[in-house]
Amino acid sequence: MFTDTHCHIIPSEYPNCDEIIKNLKKNNIKRIIINGYNYKTNAEVINLCNKYDNVYGAIGLHPDEIGNS
């Protein structure tokens, strides 16, 4: 099984992200690390990490997002 170490499968970018996460094992992926890049996506990452045992998060702030709230 594989680990996806950098992805952005979050509701604001993938309205079907719950379906994608639930189907990971069908694609031989055991766990994923979802990366946030601003305040909104960081919150989405935290919510998904709390919802799924196979989802881990990396919280961050992309330089283009500095100053945006």
PDB file of N, CA and C in Angstrom:
ATOM      1  N   MET A   1       0.836  -1.191   0.000  1.00  0.00           N
ATOM      2  CA  MET A   1       0.000   0.000   0.000  1.00  0.00           C
ATOM      3  C   MET A   1       0.875   1.246   0.000  1.00  0.00           C
ATOM      4  N   PHE A   2       0.314   2.322  -0.508  1.00  0.00           N
ATOM      5  CA  PHE A   2       1.047   3.572  -0.665  1.00  0.00           C
ATOM      6  C   PHE A   2       0.545   4.651   0.289  1.00  0.00           C
ATOM      7  N   THR A   3       1.378   5.684   0.453  1.00  0.00           N
ATOM      8  CA  THR A   3       1.003   6.895   1.170  1.00  0.00           C
ATOM      9  C   THR A   3       1.183   8.069   0.227  1.00  0.00           C
ATOM     10  N   ASP A   4       0.129   8.862   0.063  1.00  0.00           N
ATOM     11  CA  ASP A   4       0.228  10.099  -0.720  1.00  0.00           C
ATOM     12  C   ASP A   4       0.702  11.179   0.247  1.00  0.00           C
ATOM     13  N   THR A   5       1.897  11.699   0.027  1.00  0.00           N
ATOM     14  CA  THR A   5       2.510  12.605   1.000  1.00  0.00           C
ATOM     15  C   THR A   5       2.218  14.079   0.764  1.00  0.00           C
ATOM     16  N   HIS A   6       1.513  14.405  -0.304  1.00  0.00           N
ATOM     17  CA  HIS A   6       1.183  15.817  -0.537  1.00  0.00           C
ATOM     18  C   HIS A   6       0.005  15.905  -1.501  1.00  0.00           C
ATOM     19  N   CYS A   7      -1.144  16.267  -0.959  1.00  0.00           N
ATOM     20  CA  CYS A   7      -2.316  16.448  -1.813  1.00  0.00           C
ATOM     21  C   CYS A   7      -3.188  17.560  -1.239  1.00  0.00           C
ATOM     22  N   HIS A   8      -4.135  17.990  -2.021  1.00  0.00           N
ATOM     23  CA  HIS A   8      -5.056  19.065  -1.620  1.00  0.00           C
ATOM     24  C   HIS A   8      -6.490  18.595  -1.825  1.00  0.00           C
ATOM     25  N   ILE A   9      -6.802  17.430  -1.309  1.00  0.00           N
ATOM     26  CA  ILE A   9      -8.164  16.898  -1.419  1.00  0.00           C
ATOM     27  C   ILE A   9      -8.982  17.496  -0.277  1.00  0.00           C
ATOM     28  N   ILE A  10      -9.493  18.693  -0.519  1.00  0.00           N
ATOM     29  CA  ILE A  10     -10.271  19.430   0.480  1.00  0.00           C
ATOM     30  C   ILE A  10     -11.588  19.864  -0.149  1.00  0.00           C
ATOM     31  N   PRO A  11     -12.617  20.071   0.672  1.00  0.00           N
ATOM     32  CA  PRO A  11     -13.937  20.405   0.132  1.00  0.00           C
ATOM     33  C   PRO A  11     -13.971  21.627  -0.783  1.00  0.00           C
ATOM     34  N   SER A  12     -13.150  22.628  -0.536  1.00  0.00           N
ATOM     35  CA  SER A  12     -13.182  23.826  -1.380  1.00  0.00           C
ATOM     36  C   SER A  12     -12.618  23.566  -2.778  1.00  0.00           C
ATOM     37  N   GLU A  13     -11.844  22.511  -2.933  1.00  0.00           N
ATOM     38  CA  GLU A  13     -11.284  22.186  -4.245  1.00  0.00           C
ATOM     39  C   GLU A  13     -11.909  20.939  -4.855  1.00  0.00           C
ATOM     40  N   TYR A  14     -12.404  20.048  -4.025  1.00  0.00           N
ATOM     41  CA  TYR A  14     -13.037  18.804  -4.476  1.00  0.00           C
ATOM     42  C   TYR A  14     -14.339  18.612  -3.704  1.00  0.00           C
ATOM     43  N   PRO A  15     -15.459  19.012  -4.279  1.00  0.00           N
ATOM     44  CA  PRO A  15     -16.740  18.845  -3.577  1.00  0.00           C
ATOM     45  C   PRO A  15     -17.026  17.390  -3.195  1.00  0.00           C
ATOM     46  N   ASN A  16     -16.413  16.447  -3.888  1.00  0.00           N
ATOM     47  CA  ASN A  16     -16.602  15.023  -3.598  1.00  0.00           C
ATOM     48  C   ASN A  16     -15.441  14.442  -2.794  1.00  0.00           C
ATOM     49  N   CYS A  17     -14.750  15.262  -1.990  1.00  0.00           N
ATOM     50  CA  CYS A  17     -13.551  14.788  -1.287  1.00  0.00           C
ATOM     51  C   CYS A  17     -13.858  13.636  -0.338  1.00  0.00           C
ATOM     52  N   ASP A  18     -15.039  13.607   0.282  1.00  0.00           N
ATOM     53  CA  ASP A  18     -15.383  12.481   1.154  1.00  0.00           C
ATOM     54  C   ASP A  18     -15.414  11.177   0.362  1.00  0.00           C
ATOM     55  N   GLU A  19     -15.974  11.220  -0.816  1.00  0.00           N
ATOM     56  CA  GLU A  19     -16.022  10.032  -1.674  1.00  0.00           C
ATOM     57  C   GLU A  19     -14.610   9.604  -2.081  1.00  0.00           C
ATOM     58  N   ILE A  20     -13.773  10.576  -2.417  1.00  0.00           N
ATOM     59  CA  ILE A  20     -12.387  10.277  -2.802  1.00  0.00           C
ATOM     60  C   ILE A  20     -11.652   9.596  -1.653  1.00  0.00           C
ATOM     61  N   ILE A  21     -11.781  10.133  -0.455  1.00  0.00           N
ATOM     62  CA  ILE A  21     -11.086   9.589   0.711  1.00  0.00           C
ATOM     63  C   ILE A  21     -11.589   8.183   1.023  1.00  0.00           C
ATOM     64  N   LYS A  22     -12.886   7.975   0.928  1.00  0.00           N
ATOM     65  CA  LYS A  22     -13.449   6.657   1.218  1.00  0.00           C
ATOM     66  C   LYS A  22     -12.997   5.611   0.202  1.00  0.00           C
ATOM     67  N   ASN A  23     -12.630   6.020  -1.007  1.00  0.00           N
ATOM     68  CA  ASN A  23     -12.222   5.089  -2.056  1.00  0.00           C
ATOM     69  C   ASN A  23     -10.710   4.921  -2.186  1.00  0.00           C
ATOM     70  N   LEU A  24      -9.940   5.460  -1.266  1.00  0.00           N
ATOM     71  CA  LEU A  24      -8.482   5.382  -1.361  1.00  0.00           C
ATOM     72  C   LEU A  24      -7.978   3.940  -1.413  1.00  0.00           C
ATOM     73  N   LYS A  25      -8.520   3.082  -0.576  1.00  0.00           N
ATOM     74  CA  LYS A  25      -8.033   1.705  -0.507  1.00  0.00           C
ATOM     75  C   LYS A  25      -8.227   0.966  -1.825  1.00  0.00           C
ATOM     76  N   LYS A  26      -9.247   1.348  -2.583  1.00  0.00           N
ATOM     77  CA  LYS A  26      -9.461   0.725  -3.892  1.00  0.00           C
ATOM     78  C   LYS A  26      -8.297   1.017  -4.830  1.00  0.00           C
ATOM     79  N   ASN A  27      -7.612   2.133  -4.581  1.00  0.00           N
ATOM     80  CA  ASN A  27      -6.469   2.533  -5.402  1.00  0.00           C
ATOM     81  C   ASN A  27      -5.143   2.212  -4.730  1.00  0.00           C
ATOM     82  N   ASN A  28      -5.186   1.326  -3.722  1.00  0.00           N
ATOM     83  CA  ASN A  28      -3.993   0.852  -3.036  1.00  0.00           C
ATOM     84  C   ASN A  28      -3.275   1.961  -2.254  1.00  0.00           C
ATOM     85  N   ILE A  29      -4.036   2.959  -1.791  1.00  0.00           N
ATOM     86  CA  ILE A  29      -3.475   4.044  -0.979  1.00  0.00           C
ATOM     87  C   ILE A  29      -3.965   3.859   0.447  1.00  0.00           C
ATOM     88  N   LYS A  30      -3.024   3.717   1.379  1.00  0.00           N
ATOM     89  CA  LYS A  30      -3.370   3.447   2.779  1.00  0.00           C
ATOM     90  C   LYS A  30      -3.668   4.724   3.552  1.00  0.00           C
ATOM     91  N   ARG A  31      -2.924   5.781   3.267  1.00  0.00           N
ATOM     92  CA  ARG A  31      -3.111   7.039   4.001  1.00  0.00           C
ATOM     93  C   ARG A  31      -2.709   8.204   3.106  1.00  0.00           C
ATOM     94  N   ILE A  32      -3.197   9.399   3.471  1.00  0.00           N
ATOM     95  CA  ILE A  32      -2.832  10.604   2.725  1.00  0.00           C
ATOM     96  C   ILE A  32      -2.475  11.716   3.709  1.00  0.00           C
ATOM     97  N   ILE A  33      -1.620  12.597   3.246  1.00  0.00           N
ATOM     98  CA  ILE A  33      -1.291  13.813   3.982  1.00  0.00           C
ATOM     99  C   ILE A  33      -1.819  14.976   3.152  1.00  0.00           C
ATOM    100  N   ILE A  34      -2.829  15.638   3.697  1.00  0.00           N
ATOM    101  CA  ILE A  34      -3.446  16.763   3.005  1.00  0.00           C
ATOM    102  C   ILE A  34      -2.788  18.045   3.496  1.00  0.00           C
ATOM    103  N   ASN A  35      -2.413  18.900   2.563  1.00  0.00           N
ATOM    104  CA  ASN A  35      -1.694  20.128   2.889  1.00  0.00           C
ATOM    105  C   ASN A  35      -2.607  21.344   2.778  1.00  0.00           C
ATOM    106  N   GLY A  36      -2.616  22.142   3.831  1.00  0.00           N
ATOM    107  CA  GLY A  36      -3.320  23.414   3.802  1.00  0.00           C
ATOM    108  C   GLY A  36      -2.372  24.512   3.350  1.00  0.00           C
ATOM    109  N   TYR A  37      -2.926  25.588   2.804  1.00  0.00           N
ATOM    110  CA  TYR A  37      -2.069  26.669   2.316  1.00  0.00           C
ATOM    111  C   TYR A  37      -2.587  28.055   2.671  1.00  0.00           C
ATOM    112  N   ASN A  38      -3.737  28.130   3.346  1.00  0.00           N
ATOM    113  CA  ASN A  38      -4.237  29.397   3.884  1.00  0.00           C
ATOM    114  C   ASN A  38      -5.154  29.076   5.064  1.00  0.00           C
ATOM    115  N   TYR A  39      -5.730  30.086   5.678  1.00  0.00           N
ATOM    116  CA  TYR A  39      -6.530  29.854   6.877  1.00  0.00           C
ATOM    117  C   TYR A  39      -7.730  28.946   6.605  1.00  0.00           C
ATOM    118  N   LYS A  40      -8.401  29.150   5.482  1.00  0.00           N
ATOM    119  CA  LYS A  40      -9.575  28.348   5.141  1.00  0.00           C
ATOM    120  C   LYS A  40      -9.208  26.884   4.905  1.00  0.00           C
ATOM    121  N   THR A  41      -8.181  26.652   4.097  1.00  0.00           N
ATOM    122  CA  THR A  41      -7.818  25.275   3.790  1.00  0.00           C
ATOM    123  C   THR A  41      -7.205  24.572   5.002  1.00  0.00           C
ATOM    124  N   ASN A  42      -6.513  25.309   5.850  1.00  0.00           N
ATOM    125  CA  ASN A  42      -5.982  24.712   7.078  1.00  0.00           C
ATOM    126  C   ASN A  42      -7.117  24.194   7.954  1.00  0.00           C
ATOM    127  N   ALA A  43      -8.201  24.959   8.053  1.00  0.00           N
ATOM    128  CA  ALA A  43      -9.358  24.525   8.834  1.00  0.00           C
ATOM    129  C   ALA A  43      -9.988  23.280   8.206  1.00  0.00           C
ATOM    130  N   GLU A  44     -10.055  23.252   6.886  1.00  0.00           N
ATOM    131  CA  GLU A  44     -10.604  22.081   6.197  1.00  0.00           C
ATOM    132  C   GLU A  44      -9.738  20.843   6.452  1.00  0.00           C
ATOM    133  N   VAL A  45      -8.426  21.024   6.432  1.00  0.00           N
ATOM    134  CA  VAL A  45      -7.504  19.909   6.698  1.00  0.00           C
ATOM    135  C   VAL A  45      -7.730  19.368   8.106  1.00  0.00           C
ATOM    136  N   ILE A  46      -7.826  20.251   9.073  1.00  0.00           N
ATOM    137  CA  ILE A  46      -8.040  19.819  10.467  1.00  0.00           C
ATOM    138  C   ILE A  46      -9.347  19.043  10.585  1.00  0.00           C
ATOM    139  N   ASN A  47     -10.397  19.539   9.952  1.00  0.00           N
ATOM    140  CA  ASN A  47     -11.688  18.838   9.999  1.00  0.00           C
ATOM    141  C   ASN A  47     -11.596  17.443   9.391  1.00  0.00           C
ATOM    142  N   LEU A  48     -10.911  17.314   8.263  1.00  0.00           N
ATOM    143  CA  LEU A  48     -10.767  15.998   7.629  1.00  0.00           C
ATOM    144  C   LEU A  48      -9.909  15.057   8.469  1.00  0.00           C
ATOM    145  N   CYS A  49      -8.871  15.589   9.104  1.00  0.00           N
ATOM    146  CA  CYS A  49      -8.029  14.757   9.985  1.00  0.00           C
ATOM    147  C   CYS A  49      -8.840  14.220  11.164  1.00  0.00           C
ATOM    148  N   ASN A  50      -9.737  15.038  11.678  1.00  0.00           N
ATOM    149  CA  ASN A  50     -10.587  14.605  12.787  1.00  0.00           C
ATOM    150  C   ASN A  50     -11.653  13.600  12.333  1.00  0.00           C
ATOM    151  N   LYS A  51     -12.008  13.634  11.077  1.00  0.00           N
ATOM    152  CA  LYS A  51     -13.072  12.798  10.541  1.00  0.00           C
ATOM    153  C   LYS A  51     -12.592  11.411  10.106  1.00  0.00           C
ATOM    154  N   TYR A  52     -11.359  11.318   9.596  1.00  0.00           N
ATOM    155  CA  TYR A  52     -10.855  10.067   9.019  1.00  0.00           C
ATOM    156  C   TYR A  52      -9.547   9.640   9.697  1.00  0.00           C
ATOM    157  N   ASP A  53      -9.450   8.335   9.996  1.00  0.00           N
ATOM    158  CA  ASP A  53      -8.247   7.794  10.637  1.00  0.00           C
ATOM    159  C   ASP A  53      -7.053   7.734   9.701  1.00  0.00           C
ATOM    160  N   ASN A  54      -7.296   7.696   8.401  1.00  0.00           N
ATOM    161  CA  ASN A  54      -6.200   7.544   7.441  1.00  0.00           C
ATOM    162  C   ASN A  54      -5.791   8.874   6.797  1.00  0.00           C
ATOM    163  N   VAL A  55      -6.262   9.987   7.357  1.00  0.00           N
ATOM    164  CA  VAL A  55      -5.922  11.313   6.839  1.00  0.00           C
ATOM    165  C   VAL A  55      -5.065  12.045   7.865  1.00  0.00           C
ATOM    166  N   TYR A  56      -3.934  12.545   7.399  1.00  0.00           N
ATOM    167  CA  TYR A  56      -3.028  13.333   8.223  1.00  0.00           C
ATOM    168  C   TYR A  56      -2.903  14.705   7.568  1.00  0.00           C
ATOM    169  N   GLY A  57      -2.503  15.690   8.338  1.00  0.00           N
ATOM    170  CA  GLY A  57      -2.470  17.036   7.795  1.00  0.00           C
ATOM    171  C   GLY A  57      -1.141  17.741   7.973  1.00  0.00           C
ATOM    172  N   ALA A  58      -0.895  18.656   7.069  1.00  0.00           N
ATOM    173  CA  ALA A  58       0.236  19.580   7.164  1.00  0.00           C
ATOM    174  C   ALA A  58      -0.362  20.975   7.014  1.00  0.00           C
ATOM    175  N   ILE A  59      -0.203  21.756   8.046  1.00  0.00           N
ATOM    176  CA  ILE A  59      -0.773  23.098   8.081  1.00  0.00           C
ATOM    177  C   ILE A  59       0.292  24.076   7.613  1.00  0.00           C
ATOM    178  N   GLY A  60      -0.100  24.979   6.736  1.00  0.00           N
ATOM    179  CA  GLY A  60       0.874  25.925   6.221  1.00  0.00           C
ATOM    180  C   GLY A  60       0.226  27.200   5.722  1.00  0.00           C
ATOM    181  N   LEU A  61       1.076  28.131   5.355  1.00  0.00           N
ATOM    182  CA  LEU A  61       0.624  29.395   4.800  1.00  0.00           C
ATOM    183  C   LEU A  61       1.514  29.691   3.591  1.00  0.00           C
ATOM    184  N   HIS A  62       0.941  29.577   2.410  1.00  0.00           N
ATOM    185  CA  HIS A  62       1.692  29.844   1.180  1.00  0.00           C
ATOM    186  C   HIS A  62       2.060  31.317   1.130  1.00  0.00           C
ATOM    187  N   PRO A  63       3.259  31.656   0.668  1.00  0.00           N
ATOM    188  CA  PRO A  63       3.674  33.063   0.623  1.00  0.00           C
ATOM    189  C   PRO A  63       2.679  33.979  -0.104  1.00  0.00           C
ATOM    190  N   ASP A  64       2.008  33.455  -1.117  1.00  0.00           N
ATOM    191  CA  ASP A  64       1.005  34.263  -1.821  1.00  0.00           C
ATOM    192  C   ASP A  64      -0.199  34.591  -0.960  1.00  0.00           C
ATOM    193  N   GLU A  65      -0.388  33.867   0.145  1.00  0.00           N
ATOM    194  CA  GLU A  65      -1.545  34.045   1.006  1.00  0.00           C
ATOM    195  C   GLU A  65      -1.271  34.941   2.216  1.00  0.00           C
ATOM    196  N   ILE A  66      -0.032  35.348   2.400  1.00  0.00           N
ATOM    197  CA  ILE A  66       0.303  36.209   3.535  1.00  0.00           C
ATOM    198  C   ILE A  66      -0.463  37.517   3.418  1.00  0.00           C
ATOM    199  N   GLY A  67      -1.133  37.878   4.492  1.00  0.00           N
ATOM    200  CA  GLY A  67      -1.926  39.108   4.508  1.00  0.00           C
ATOM    201  C   GLY A  67      -3.382  38.898   4.162  1.00  0.00           C
ATOM    202  N   ASN A  68      -3.718  37.721   3.619  1.00  0.00           N
ATOM    203  CA  ASN A  68      -5.126  37.405   3.320  1.00  0.00           C
ATOM    204  C   ASN A  68      -5.742  36.724   4.528  1.00  0.00           C
ATOM    205  N   SER A  69      -6.993  36.990   4.767  1.00  0.00           N
ATOM    206  CA  SER A  69      -7.641  36.324   5.899  1.00  0.00           C
ATOM    207  C   SER A  69      -8.827  35.526   5.435  1.00  0.00           C
TER     208      SER A  69
END
